[in-house]
Structures are given as structure tokens and as C-alpha cells.
Amino acid sequence: MKLLFLLFLEEDEQTVTRMLAELDVTAFSRVLLEGHGGGKPGWYGEISPQRSRMIFTLIPVEKASALMEAVAQASDVRDGSHPIHAIQVDVEAVARSRIPTPRADA
């Protein structure tokens, strides 16, 4: 299993969710982020934060490789200075909580 993190601007969310759908990645979590980094100062002399997103998913090795390749080949980002980033992490072990047994008196 692999844990993949995808970091991208809000404007590229459709591109990323399309990639996931095309690779049949149906279980993932999405987090809204405020990204800080390069850019040009605005009216108040500060660099405005970016409205960013992060999606993370736990998937088999084969899907992880395909998703990493899809990100590497993606060219339809809205802002070329803010590409989609993919980070892959090896997963040593996975555990799940037990599914409760329905009580007879419920």
C-alpha cells in the first residue's frame, strides 16, 4: 500500500478529481488549505496566500504508480507557477478498528 498526498490550487480541483476518477480511486479525503509561497506583493505589500487543497488516499502500489504518472503528465493546470504536486509514502502497516456487533437488545 501507498499513501499519496496531492497538493494543488483550488482552481485545479476538477483536474485532480478527474484524474482520480479515471484511475478508479474512489476513497480519499480532501482538506482545504491556505498555501504560502512565491508570488508578487499585492496592495498591502504582502504576498497573498493561495487557496489550496490537499487530497490524500491509501491505495495499492499499481494505482499509486499510475496516479504519480498522471500527475507528472498533467499539463492543464491553471497557473504554471503552481503545479500539482504528488507525494508518495510507503506504508509499513495498516490497522482498522473493529466493526461493532449489533446488540441483541437494540
N, C-alpha and C. Protein backbone atom coordinates (compact mmCIF):
# COMPACT_ATOMS: atom_id res chain seq x y z
N MET A 1 0.84 -1.18 0.00
CA MET A 1 0.00 0.00 0.00
C MET A 1 0.88 1.25 0.00
N LYS A 2 0.32 2.29 -0.58
CA LYS A 2 0.99 3.59 -0.64
C LYS A 2 0.03 4.66 -0.13
N LEU A 3 0.59 5.66 0.50
CA LEU A 3 -0.17 6.83 0.91
C LEU A 3 0.25 7.96 -0.02
N LEU A 4 -0.72 8.51 -0.74
CA LEU A 4 -0.42 9.60 -1.67
C LEU A 4 -1.07 10.88 -1.20
N PHE A 5 -0.30 11.96 -1.28
CA PHE A 5 -0.78 13.30 -0.99
C PHE A 5 -0.73 14.08 -2.29
N LEU A 6 -1.81 14.73 -2.63
CA LEU A 6 -1.86 15.60 -3.81
C LEU A 6 -2.10 17.02 -3.31
N LEU A 7 -1.23 17.94 -3.68
CA LEU A 7 -1.35 19.34 -3.30
C LEU A 7 -1.55 20.16 -4.56
N PHE A 8 -2.54 21.07 -4.54
CA PHE A 8 -2.88 21.80 -5.76
C PHE A 8 -3.69 23.03 -5.40
N LEU A 9 -3.76 23.97 -6.34
CA LEU A 9 -4.58 25.15 -6.16
C LEU A 9 -6.06 24.80 -6.32
N GLU A 10 -6.91 25.55 -5.67
CA GLU A 10 -8.35 25.35 -5.74
C GLU A 10 -8.83 25.29 -7.20
N GLU A 11 -8.24 26.10 -8.06
CA GLU A 11 -8.67 26.16 -9.46
C GLU A 11 -8.40 24.86 -10.22
N ASP A 12 -7.55 24.00 -9.70
CA ASP A 12 -7.22 22.74 -10.37
C ASP A 12 -7.95 21.54 -9.77
N GLU A 13 -8.92 21.80 -8.93
CA GLU A 13 -9.62 20.70 -8.27
C GLU A 13 -10.32 19.77 -9.25
N GLN A 14 -10.96 20.30 -10.29
CA GLN A 14 -11.62 19.44 -11.27
C GLN A 14 -10.62 18.55 -11.99
N THR A 15 -9.46 19.08 -12.31
CA THR A 15 -8.42 18.28 -12.97
C THR A 15 -8.00 17.11 -12.09
N VAL A 16 -7.79 17.39 -10.81
CA VAL A 16 -7.34 16.34 -9.89
C VAL A 16 -8.44 15.31 -9.66
N THR A 17 -9.67 15.74 -9.44
CA THR A 17 -10.74 14.77 -9.22
C THR A 17 -11.01 13.94 -10.47
N ARG A 18 -10.81 14.52 -11.65
CA ARG A 18 -10.94 13.75 -12.89
C ARG A 18 -9.86 12.67 -12.96
N MET A 19 -8.63 13.02 -12.58
CA MET A 19 -7.54 12.03 -12.56
C MET A 19 -7.90 10.86 -11.65
N LEU A 20 -8.39 11.19 -10.46
CA LEU A 20 -8.76 10.14 -9.52
C LEU A 20 -9.85 9.25 -10.09
N ALA A 21 -10.86 9.85 -10.70
CA ALA A 21 -11.97 9.08 -11.28
C ALA A 21 -11.48 8.18 -12.41
N GLU A 22 -10.62 8.72 -13.27
CA GLU A 22 -10.11 7.93 -14.40
C GLU A 22 -9.31 6.73 -13.93
N LEU A 23 -8.68 6.83 -12.76
CA LEU A 23 -7.89 5.72 -12.22
C LEU A 23 -8.67 4.89 -11.21
N ASP A 24 -9.99 5.18 -11.10
CA ASP A 24 -10.88 4.46 -10.20
C ASP A 24 -10.41 4.53 -8.75
N VAL A 25 -9.93 5.71 -8.35
CA VAL A 25 -9.59 5.97 -6.95
C VAL A 25 -10.84 6.61 -6.35
N THR A 26 -11.60 5.83 -5.59
CA THR A 26 -12.90 6.30 -5.12
C THR A 26 -12.91 6.69 -3.64
N ALA A 27 -11.90 6.29 -2.90
CA ALA A 27 -11.85 6.62 -1.47
C ALA A 27 -10.66 7.56 -1.24
N PHE A 28 -10.97 8.77 -0.79
CA PHE A 28 -9.93 9.75 -0.49
C PHE A 28 -10.49 10.79 0.44
N SER A 29 -9.62 11.57 1.04
CA SER A 29 -10.02 12.67 1.91
C SER A 29 -9.48 13.96 1.33
N ARG A 30 -10.28 15.02 1.49
CA ARG A 30 -9.92 16.33 0.93
C ARG A 30 -9.83 17.34 2.08
N VAL A 31 -8.79 18.18 2.04
CA VAL A 31 -8.57 19.18 3.07
C VAL A 31 -8.39 20.53 2.39
N LEU A 32 -9.04 21.56 2.93
CA LEU A 32 -8.85 22.92 2.43
C LEU A 32 -7.62 23.51 3.12
N LEU A 33 -6.76 24.17 2.36
CA LEU A 33 -5.52 24.72 2.89
C LEU A 33 -5.34 26.17 2.50
N GLU A 34 -4.51 26.86 3.24
CA GLU A 34 -4.06 28.19 2.86
C GLU A 34 -2.58 28.05 2.55
N GLY A 35 -2.23 28.16 1.27
CA GLY A 35 -0.85 27.96 0.84
C GLY A 35 -0.07 29.27 0.86
N HIS A 36 1.17 29.19 1.28
CA HIS A 36 2.05 30.36 1.30
C HIS A 36 3.30 30.03 0.50
N GLY A 37 3.79 31.01 -0.22
CA GLY A 37 4.98 30.79 -1.02
C GLY A 37 5.20 31.95 -1.96
N GLY A 38 5.86 31.67 -3.05
CA GLY A 38 6.22 32.70 -4.01
C GLY A 38 5.01 33.40 -4.61
N GLY A 39 5.26 34.58 -5.06
CA GLY A 39 4.22 35.38 -5.69
C GLY A 39 4.64 36.84 -5.70
N LYS A 40 3.72 37.68 -6.06
CA LYS A 40 4.01 39.11 -6.10
C LYS A 40 3.20 39.82 -5.02
N PRO A 41 3.83 40.79 -4.34
CA PRO A 41 3.10 41.54 -3.32
C PRO A 41 1.88 42.23 -3.92
N GLY A 42 0.80 42.28 -3.12
CA GLY A 42 -0.43 42.93 -3.55
C GLY A 42 -0.52 44.35 -3.04
N TRP A 43 -1.72 44.85 -2.89
CA TRP A 43 -1.98 46.22 -2.48
C TRP A 43 -1.29 46.59 -1.17
N TYR A 44 -1.26 45.65 -0.24
CA TYR A 44 -0.74 45.96 1.09
C TYR A 44 0.73 45.57 1.26
N GLY A 45 1.40 45.26 0.17
CA GLY A 45 2.82 44.93 0.23
C GLY A 45 3.13 43.52 0.68
N GLU A 46 2.11 42.70 0.83
CA GLU A 46 2.32 41.31 1.25
C GLU A 46 1.93 40.37 0.11
N ILE A 47 2.51 39.19 0.14
CA ILE A 47 2.14 38.17 -0.83
C ILE A 47 0.89 37.47 -0.30
N SER A 48 -0.16 37.50 -1.08
CA SER A 48 -1.42 36.89 -0.66
C SER A 48 -1.30 35.38 -0.61
N PRO A 49 -1.92 34.76 0.38
CA PRO A 49 -1.91 33.29 0.42
C PRO A 49 -2.77 32.73 -0.71
N GLN A 50 -2.48 31.50 -1.08
CA GLN A 50 -3.22 30.80 -2.13
C GLN A 50 -4.28 29.91 -1.50
N ARG A 51 -5.44 29.83 -2.15
CA ARG A 51 -6.45 28.87 -1.72
C ARG A 51 -6.08 27.53 -2.34
N SER A 52 -5.61 26.65 -1.49
CA SER A 52 -5.09 25.36 -1.95
C SER A 52 -5.92 24.22 -1.40
N ARG A 53 -5.66 23.06 -1.92
CA ARG A 53 -6.33 21.83 -1.49
C ARG A 53 -5.28 20.74 -1.31
N MET A 54 -5.63 19.77 -0.48
CA MET A 54 -4.82 18.56 -0.37
C MET A 54 -5.79 17.38 -0.36
N ILE A 55 -5.47 16.40 -1.16
CA ILE A 55 -6.21 15.14 -1.14
C ILE A 55 -5.22 14.07 -0.74
N PHE A 56 -5.64 13.20 0.16
CA PHE A 56 -4.78 12.05 0.46
C PHE A 56 -5.60 10.78 0.37
N THR A 57 -4.90 9.72 -0.04
CA THR A 57 -5.56 8.44 -0.27
C THR A 57 -4.59 7.30 0.00
N LEU A 58 -5.11 6.21 0.46
CA LEU A 58 -4.34 4.98 0.70
C LEU A 58 -4.74 4.00 -0.40
N ILE A 59 -3.80 3.67 -1.28
CA ILE A 59 -4.14 2.86 -2.46
C ILE A 59 -3.06 1.81 -2.72
N PRO A 60 -3.41 0.79 -3.51
CA PRO A 60 -2.43 -0.24 -3.89
C PRO A 60 -1.27 0.36 -4.71
N VAL A 61 -0.16 -0.33 -4.72
CA VAL A 61 1.05 0.12 -5.40
C VAL A 61 0.79 0.44 -6.88
N GLU A 62 0.03 -0.41 -7.58
CA GLU A 62 -0.20 -0.21 -9.01
C GLU A 62 -0.95 1.10 -9.27
N LYS A 63 -1.98 1.37 -8.48
CA LYS A 63 -2.74 2.61 -8.65
C LYS A 63 -1.88 3.82 -8.28
N ALA A 64 -1.04 3.65 -7.27
CA ALA A 64 -0.16 4.75 -6.85
C ALA A 64 0.79 5.11 -7.98
N SER A 65 1.37 4.12 -8.62
CA SER A 65 2.28 4.39 -9.74
C SER A 65 1.56 5.09 -10.88
N ALA A 66 0.34 4.65 -11.19
CA ALA A 66 -0.44 5.26 -12.26
C ALA A 66 -0.81 6.70 -11.92
N LEU A 67 -1.16 6.95 -10.66
CA LEU A 67 -1.51 8.30 -10.25
C LEU A 67 -0.30 9.23 -10.27
N MET A 68 0.85 8.74 -9.84
CA MET A 68 2.07 9.55 -9.91
C MET A 68 2.39 9.91 -11.36
N GLU A 69 2.21 8.97 -12.26
CA GLU A 69 2.46 9.22 -13.68
C GLU A 69 1.45 10.22 -14.24
N ALA A 70 0.19 10.10 -13.85
CA ALA A 70 -0.84 11.02 -14.32
C ALA A 70 -0.52 12.45 -13.88
N VAL A 71 -0.06 12.61 -12.65
CA VAL A 71 0.32 13.95 -12.18
C VAL A 71 1.51 14.47 -12.97
N ALA A 72 2.50 13.61 -13.19
CA ALA A 72 3.70 14.03 -13.94
C ALA A 72 3.36 14.45 -15.36
N GLN A 73 2.30 13.86 -15.95
CA GLN A 73 1.92 14.18 -17.32
C GLN A 73 0.89 15.31 -17.42
N ALA A 74 0.32 15.71 -16.30
CA ALA A 74 -0.73 16.74 -16.32
C ALA A 74 -0.17 18.07 -16.81
N SER A 75 -0.84 18.65 -17.78
CA SER A 75 -0.38 19.93 -18.33
C SER A 75 -1.49 20.97 -18.34
N ASP A 76 -2.64 20.63 -17.79
CA ASP A 76 -3.76 21.55 -17.84
C ASP A 76 -4.01 22.26 -16.51
N VAL A 77 -2.92 22.65 -15.83
CA VAL A 77 -3.06 23.42 -14.60
C VAL A 77 -3.36 24.88 -14.95
N ARG A 78 -4.09 25.55 -14.08
CA ARG A 78 -4.50 26.93 -14.34
C ARG A 78 -3.35 27.92 -14.23
N ASP A 79 -2.40 27.63 -13.34
CA ASP A 79 -1.27 28.53 -13.12
C ASP A 79 0.02 27.72 -13.17
N GLY A 80 0.78 27.92 -14.24
CA GLY A 80 2.00 27.14 -14.44
C GLY A 80 3.04 27.29 -13.34
N SER A 81 2.96 28.38 -12.56
CA SER A 81 3.92 28.55 -11.47
C SER A 81 3.48 27.82 -10.20
N HIS A 82 2.31 27.19 -10.24
CA HIS A 82 1.80 26.41 -9.12
C HIS A 82 1.31 25.05 -9.64
N PRO A 83 2.23 24.15 -9.96
CA PRO A 83 1.82 22.84 -10.49
C PRO A 83 1.18 21.97 -9.41
N ILE A 84 0.54 20.92 -9.86
CA ILE A 84 0.02 19.90 -8.96
C ILE A 84 1.22 19.12 -8.44
N HIS A 85 1.26 18.89 -7.14
CA HIS A 85 2.34 18.11 -6.54
C HIS A 85 1.77 16.79 -6.03
N ALA A 86 2.51 15.72 -6.20
CA ALA A 86 2.14 14.41 -5.66
C ALA A 86 3.29 13.89 -4.82
N ILE A 87 2.96 13.41 -3.63
CA ILE A 87 3.96 12.87 -2.72
C ILE A 87 3.52 11.46 -2.37
N GLN A 88 4.41 10.51 -2.57
CA GLN A 88 4.10 9.10 -2.30
C GLN A 88 4.91 8.63 -1.10
N VAL A 89 4.22 7.96 -0.16
CA VAL A 89 4.86 7.47 1.05
C VAL A 89 4.59 5.97 1.16
N ASP A 90 5.63 5.20 1.46
CA ASP A 90 5.43 3.77 1.70
C ASP A 90 4.68 3.57 3.01
N VAL A 91 3.78 2.62 3.03
CA VAL A 91 3.01 2.32 4.23
C VAL A 91 3.50 0.99 4.77
N GLU A 92 3.99 1.01 5.98
CA GLU A 92 4.53 -0.20 6.59
C GLU A 92 3.43 -1.13 7.08
N ALA A 93 2.38 -0.57 7.65
CA ALA A 93 1.29 -1.39 8.17
C ALA A 93 0.01 -0.56 8.19
N VAL A 94 -1.11 -1.26 8.16
CA VAL A 94 -2.43 -0.64 8.23
C VAL A 94 -3.27 -1.43 9.23
N ALA A 95 -3.98 -0.74 10.10
CA ALA A 95 -4.90 -1.39 11.03
C ALA A 95 -6.24 -0.67 10.93
N ARG A 96 -7.30 -1.41 11.15
CA ARG A 96 -8.64 -0.83 11.16
C ARG A 96 -9.31 -1.17 12.48
N SER A 97 -10.19 -0.30 12.92
CA SER A 97 -10.95 -0.61 14.13
C SER A 97 -11.93 -1.73 13.82
N ARG A 98 -12.38 -2.38 14.85
CA ARG A 98 -13.34 -3.46 14.67
C ARG A 98 -14.71 -2.89 14.32
N ILE A 99 -15.47 -3.64 13.59
CA ILE A 99 -16.85 -3.26 13.27
C ILE A 99 -17.70 -3.78 14.42
N PRO A 100 -18.45 -2.89 15.08
CA PRO A 100 -19.24 -3.34 16.23
C PRO A 100 -20.28 -4.40 15.84
N THR A 101 -20.48 -5.32 16.72
CA THR A 101 -21.51 -6.34 16.54
C THR A 101 -22.82 -5.77 17.05
N PRO A 102 -23.89 -5.86 16.25
CA PRO A 102 -25.18 -5.33 16.73
C PRO A 102 -25.62 -6.02 18.03
N ARG A 103 -26.10 -5.21 18.97
CA ARG A 103 -26.56 -5.77 20.23
C ARG A 103 -27.94 -6.38 20.05
N ALA A 104 -28.19 -7.47 20.75
CA ALA A 104 -29.47 -8.18 20.65
C ALA A 104 -30.62 -7.35 21.22
N ASP A 105 -30.35 -6.51 22.20
CA ASP A 105 -31.41 -5.73 22.84
C ASP A 105 -31.65 -4.38 22.15
N ALA A 106 -30.97 -4.10 21.05
CA ALA A 106 -31.12 -2.82 20.39
C ALA A 106 -32.29 -2.79 19.44
